[in-house]
């Protein structure tokens, strides 16, 4: 079966609308949801089509405004899968709604790693290298060639990625339900999503102490070395767990961000970190 053969005309129109909207995924970014707002905006045509009840539309929008971040060329693939799951949810009253965000979270990390390496780390450099060589030779076509070389694969990947995601989602989700494997998929996706979040925590939450204890002009203890000896990354882990606990107590994310900034400034002024 060809890709997209199982998609009807109305659904193809919705995919095209999603494709044009997907380029604005990072038009509005914040530390809490990253591209979540843009993801929800891209999903809106499907949400309005599949759900007629305002409450169901609001719940769907709330699902898709949650944290999401991946390379834009690959984002439409995830959007296509999410859209097919929303379709199934609108038709099947027993659908596990939590599986939608579980799948999104599990996919965004691996796709970001592949997409960033491929489009930003390799292809962009190749396009820039060719364009720079032409520019040195005085060609006015250099910037035009760069934009064409970089963006044509970008747009093609986004467009056909959306079709592929929706087609695969529609085809296999029904089979998973028929075979009773959707719970297994949701559990596996949740575990992979937690692994991705854990990896992001290690790479993004950083604490390095500058505190040194001296005696008689000689250093007797380097606090950071001691922390690394006891448990490498102990403080970042405690900070992350503390923030998670505050979220459970309904403390606002913006409040926590400002709190961390203030604590960071104080620790820097005191020479601790």
Protein backbone atom coordinates (compact mmCIF):
# COMPACT_ATOMS: atom_id res chain seq x y z
CA UNK A 1 0.00 0.00 0.00
CA UNK A 2 1.28 3.43 -0.93
CA UNK A 3 1.80 6.06 1.74
CA UNK A 4 -1.39 8.06 2.19
CA UNK A 5 -3.54 5.68 0.19
CA UNK A 6 -5.78 5.08 3.23
CA UNK A 7 -6.39 8.84 3.72
CA UNK A 8 -9.54 10.42 2.32
CA UNK A 9 -9.78 13.83 0.62
CA UNK A 10 -11.01 15.68 3.71
CA UNK A 11 -8.15 14.30 5.79
CA UNK A 12 -5.62 15.27 3.11
CA UNK A 13 -6.93 18.85 3.28
CA UNK A 14 -6.48 18.79 7.05
CA UNK A 15 -2.91 17.51 6.65
CA UNK A 16 -2.11 20.34 4.25
CA UNK A 17 -3.45 22.86 6.77
CA UNK A 18 -1.35 21.23 9.46
CA UNK A 19 1.71 21.37 7.19
CA UNK A 20 1.44 25.14 6.63
CA UNK A 21 0.86 25.75 10.33
CA UNK A 22 3.73 23.51 11.47
CA UNK A 23 6.37 26.03 10.37
CA UNK A 24 5.20 28.38 13.12
CA UNK A 25 5.72 25.84 15.90
CA UNK A 26 8.39 27.98 17.59
CA UNK A 27 6.80 31.35 16.80
CA UNK A 28 5.76 31.54 20.45
CA UNK A 29 8.21 29.85 22.81
CA UNK A 30 8.38 29.80 26.59
CA UNK A 31 10.42 27.70 29.06
CA UNK A 32 7.31 25.81 30.18
CA UNK A 33 5.89 24.44 26.92
CA UNK A 34 8.56 25.30 24.31
CA UNK A 35 6.76 24.51 21.02
CA UNK A 36 3.56 23.30 22.70
CA UNK A 37 1.54 26.35 21.67
CA UNK A 38 2.61 25.99 18.04
CA UNK A 39 1.90 22.25 18.15
CA UNK A 40 -1.65 22.92 19.36
CA UNK A 41 -2.10 25.58 16.66
CA UNK A 42 -1.03 23.06 14.01
CA UNK A 43 -3.44 20.44 15.41
CA UNK A 44 -6.40 22.83 15.49
CA UNK A 45 -7.84 21.84 12.05
CA UNK A 46 -8.03 18.20 13.17
CA UNK A 47 -9.42 19.08 16.59
CA UNK A 48 -12.20 21.21 15.10
CA UNK A 49 -12.97 18.49 12.54
CA UNK A 50 -13.06 15.50 14.89
CA UNK A 51 -14.67 17.11 17.94
CA UNK A 52 -17.96 18.98 17.83
CA UNK A 53 -18.31 19.43 21.59
CA UNK A 54 -16.56 22.52 23.02
CA UNK A 55 -15.43 20.66 26.13
CA UNK A 56 -13.77 17.92 24.05
CA UNK A 57 -12.06 20.56 21.89
CA UNK A 58 -10.77 22.32 25.00
CA UNK A 59 -9.42 19.05 26.41
CA UNK A 60 -7.66 18.27 23.13
CA UNK A 61 -6.10 21.74 22.99
CA UNK A 62 -4.93 21.38 26.57
CA UNK A 63 -3.28 18.05 25.68
CA UNK A 64 -1.31 19.56 22.84
CA UNK A 65 -0.20 22.76 24.58
CA UNK A 66 1.94 20.66 26.91
CA UNK A 67 5.73 20.62 26.53
CA UNK A 68 6.97 19.64 23.09
CA UNK A 69 10.29 20.24 21.41
CA UNK A 70 11.82 18.61 18.35
CA UNK A 71 13.35 19.57 15.01
CA UNK A 72 10.73 21.36 12.89
CA UNK A 73 11.18 19.21 9.73
CA UNK A 74 10.28 16.11 11.79
CA UNK A 75 7.55 17.77 13.88
CA UNK A 76 4.81 17.13 11.32
CA UNK A 77 5.46 13.37 11.55
CA UNK A 78 4.58 13.48 15.26
CA UNK A 79 1.64 15.77 14.50
CA UNK A 80 0.34 13.26 11.96
CA UNK A 81 0.48 10.42 14.47
CA UNK A 82 -1.16 12.59 17.14
CA UNK A 83 -3.89 13.58 14.68
CA UNK A 84 -4.65 9.94 13.85
CA UNK A 85 -4.84 9.18 17.58
CA UNK A 86 -7.23 12.10 18.09
CA UNK A 87 -9.40 10.64 15.33
CA UNK A 88 -9.44 7.28 17.08
CA UNK A 89 -10.22 8.98 20.40
CA UNK A 90 -13.20 10.80 18.85
CA UNK A 91 -14.61 7.50 17.56
CA UNK A 92 -13.66 5.08 20.34
CA UNK A 93 -15.03 5.86 23.85
CA UNK A 94 -12.56 3.38 25.40
CA UNK A 95 -9.50 5.05 23.88
CA UNK A 96 -6.64 5.70 26.32
CA UNK A 97 -6.20 9.48 26.00
CA UNK A 98 -2.93 9.42 27.98
CA UNK A 99 -1.33 7.43 25.16
CA UNK A 100 -1.38 10.51 22.89
CA UNK A 101 1.07 12.57 24.94
CA UNK A 102 3.03 9.43 25.84
CA UNK A 103 3.72 8.80 22.14
CA UNK A 104 4.57 12.47 21.54
CA UNK A 105 7.05 12.56 24.42
CA UNK A 106 8.72 9.30 23.39
CA UNK A 107 9.21 10.46 19.79
CA UNK A 108 10.35 14.06 20.25
CA UNK A 109 13.74 13.20 21.78
CA UNK A 110 15.01 10.66 19.20
CA UNK A 111 13.64 12.71 16.28
CA UNK A 112 15.29 15.86 17.64
CA UNK A 113 18.64 14.05 17.83
CA UNK A 114 18.34 12.80 14.24
CA UNK A 115 16.88 16.04 12.85
CA UNK A 116 19.36 18.38 14.53
CA UNK A 117 22.30 16.29 13.37
CA UNK A 118 21.00 15.88 9.83
CA UNK A 119 19.54 19.31 9.06
CA UNK A 120 21.55 21.65 11.31
CA UNK A 121 24.78 19.75 11.80
CA UNK A 122 25.30 18.37 8.28
CA UNK A 123 23.01 19.68 5.54
CA UNK A 124 23.08 23.33 6.63
CA UNK A 125 26.89 23.27 6.67
CA UNK A 126 27.01 21.67 3.21
CA UNK A 127 24.59 24.27 1.79
CA UNK A 128 26.48 27.13 3.43
CA UNK A 129 29.81 25.82 2.13
CA UNK A 130 28.58 25.73 -1.46
CA UNK A 131 26.92 29.16 -1.15
CA UNK A 132 30.02 30.75 0.42
CA UNK A 133 32.21 29.40 -2.41
CA UNK A 134 29.85 30.94 -4.97
CA UNK A 135 29.71 34.22 -3.02
CA UNK A 136 33.53 34.48 -3.06
CA UNK A 137 33.36 34.18 -6.83
CA UNK A 138 30.95 37.14 -6.90
CA UNK A 139 27.78 35.21 -7.75
CA UNK A 140 24.58 36.95 -6.67
CA UNK A 141 22.85 33.55 -6.76
CA UNK A 142 24.72 32.35 -3.65
CA UNK A 143 22.09 33.30 -1.01
CA UNK A 144 19.24 32.15 -3.26
CA UNK A 145 20.93 28.77 -3.80
CA UNK A 146 21.51 28.41 -0.05
CA UNK A 147 17.84 29.04 0.75
CA UNK A 148 16.65 26.65 -1.95
CA UNK A 149 19.08 23.87 -1.06
CA UNK A 150 18.27 24.05 2.65
CA UNK A 151 14.53 24.66 2.53
CA UNK A 152 13.36 22.33 -0.25
CA UNK A 153 14.33 19.14 1.70
CA UNK A 154 12.97 20.83 4.84
CA UNK A 155 9.54 21.45 3.33
CA UNK A 156 9.37 18.05 1.62
CA UNK A 157 10.22 16.28 4.87
CA UNK A 158 7.59 18.27 6.73
CA UNK A 159 4.87 17.64 4.14
CA UNK A 160 5.40 13.94 3.53
CA UNK A 161 6.28 13.37 7.19
CA UNK A 162 2.78 14.53 8.12
CA UNK A 163 1.21 12.19 5.58
CA UNK A 164 3.39 9.29 6.74
CA UNK A 165 2.63 9.91 10.42
CA UNK A 166 -1.12 10.11 9.85
CA UNK A 167 -1.15 7.11 7.53
CA UNK A 168 0.87 4.90 9.89
CA UNK A 169 -1.13 6.04 12.89
CA UNK A 170 -4.48 5.28 11.27
CA UNK A 171 -3.25 1.90 10.09
CA UNK A 172 -1.51 0.54 13.16
CA UNK A 173 -3.43 2.05 16.08
CA UNK A 174 -6.55 0.15 15.06
CA UNK A 175 -4.52 -3.07 14.87
CA UNK A 176 -3.03 -2.41 18.31
CA UNK A 177 -6.50 -2.01 19.77
CA UNK A 178 -7.77 -5.10 18.00
CA UNK A 179 -4.86 -7.15 19.39
CA UNK A 180 -5.05 -5.60 22.86
CA UNK A 181 -1.52 -4.18 22.61
CA UNK A 182 -2.32 -0.48 23.08
CA UNK A 183 -1.61 -0.66 26.83
CA UNK A 184 1.80 -2.19 26.11
CA UNK A 185 2.55 0.57 23.60
CA UNK A 186 1.45 3.28 26.04
CA UNK A 187 3.59 1.82 28.83
CA UNK A 188 6.64 1.49 26.58
CA UNK A 189 6.17 5.02 25.23
CA UNK A 190 5.83 6.40 28.77
CA UNK A 191 9.06 4.69 29.85
CA UNK A 192 10.93 5.96 26.80
CA UNK A 193 9.51 9.45 27.42
CA UNK A 194 10.78 9.39 31.01
CA UNK A 195 14.21 8.32 29.77
CA UNK A 196 14.22 11.27 27.34
CA UNK A 197 13.22 13.69 30.10
CA UNK A 198 15.91 12.24 32.37
CA UNK A 199 18.54 12.71 29.66
CA UNK A 200 17.41 16.32 29.18
CA UNK A 201 17.71 16.90 32.94
CA UNK A 202 21.30 15.68 32.99
CA UNK A 203 22.32 17.89 30.07
CA UNK A 204 20.34 21.03 30.95
CA UNK A 205 20.41 21.28 34.78
CA UNK A 206 23.96 22.25 35.73
CA UNK A 207 25.50 23.11 39.11
CA UNK A 208 29.21 23.68 39.70
CA UNK A 209 30.42 24.86 43.08
CA UNK A 210 33.33 27.33 43.27
CA UNK A 211 33.71 26.84 47.02
CA UNK A 212 37.16 25.83 48.24
CA UNK A 213 38.15 25.26 51.86
CA UNK A 214 41.70 26.35 52.67
CA UNK A 215 43.94 26.14 55.73
CA UNK A 216 47.27 27.84 56.03
CA UNK A 217 47.04 29.02 52.44
CA UNK A 218 46.60 25.48 51.17
CA UNK A 219 43.44 23.99 49.71
CA UNK A 220 42.16 21.16 51.89
CA UNK A 221 38.84 20.52 50.15
CA UNK A 222 37.26 21.25 46.80
CA UNK A 223 33.50 21.10 47.39
CA UNK A 224 32.65 20.24 43.77
CA UNK A 225 35.15 17.37 43.75
CA UNK A 226 33.61 16.02 46.96
CA UNK A 227 30.11 16.25 45.47
CA UNK A 228 31.28 14.44 42.32
CA UNK A 229 32.88 11.75 44.48
CA UNK A 230 29.73 11.19 46.54
CA UNK A 231 27.27 11.29 43.63
CA UNK A 232 28.01 12.99 40.33
CA UNK A 233 25.13 15.31 39.47
CA UNK A 234 23.65 15.09 42.98
CA UNK A 235 22.70 18.78 43.27
CA UNK A 236 21.06 19.02 39.80
CA UNK A 237 19.06 15.89 40.60
CA UNK A 238 17.92 17.32 43.95
CA UNK A 239 16.97 20.62 42.27
CA UNK A 240 14.94 18.73 39.65
CA UNK A 241 13.17 16.58 42.25
CA UNK A 242 12.52 19.67 44.36
CA UNK A 243 10.91 21.44 41.40
CA UNK A 244 8.80 18.36 40.68
CA UNK A 245 7.61 18.40 44.30
CA UNK A 246 6.73 22.08 44.07
CA UNK A 247 4.73 21.38 40.90
CA UNK A 248 2.73 18.77 42.82
CA UNK A 249 1.98 21.47 45.41
CA UNK A 250 0.61 23.71 42.61
CA UNK A 251 3.51 26.20 42.75
CA UNK A 252 3.60 28.20 39.49
CA UNK A 253 6.37 27.45 36.98
CA UNK A 254 7.15 31.16 36.49
CA UNK A 255 7.49 31.54 40.27
CA UNK A 256 9.98 28.68 40.35
CA UNK A 257 11.97 30.13 37.44
CA UNK A 258 12.33 33.49 39.18
CA UNK A 259 13.18 31.70 42.43
CA UNK A 260 15.95 29.70 40.76
CA UNK A 261 17.33 32.87 39.13
CA UNK A 262 17.39 34.68 42.49
CA UNK A 263 19.07 31.73 44.25
CA UNK A 264 21.60 31.46 41.40
CA UNK A 265 22.51 35.16 41.70
CA UNK A 266 22.90 34.88 45.48
CA UNK A 267 25.09 31.77 45.20
CA UNK A 268 27.26 33.58 42.62
CA UNK A 269 27.61 36.72 44.78
CA UNK A 270 28.57 34.57 47.77
CA UNK A 271 31.15 32.71 45.67
CA UNK A 272 29.50 29.36 46.23
CA UNK A 273 28.58 28.56 42.62
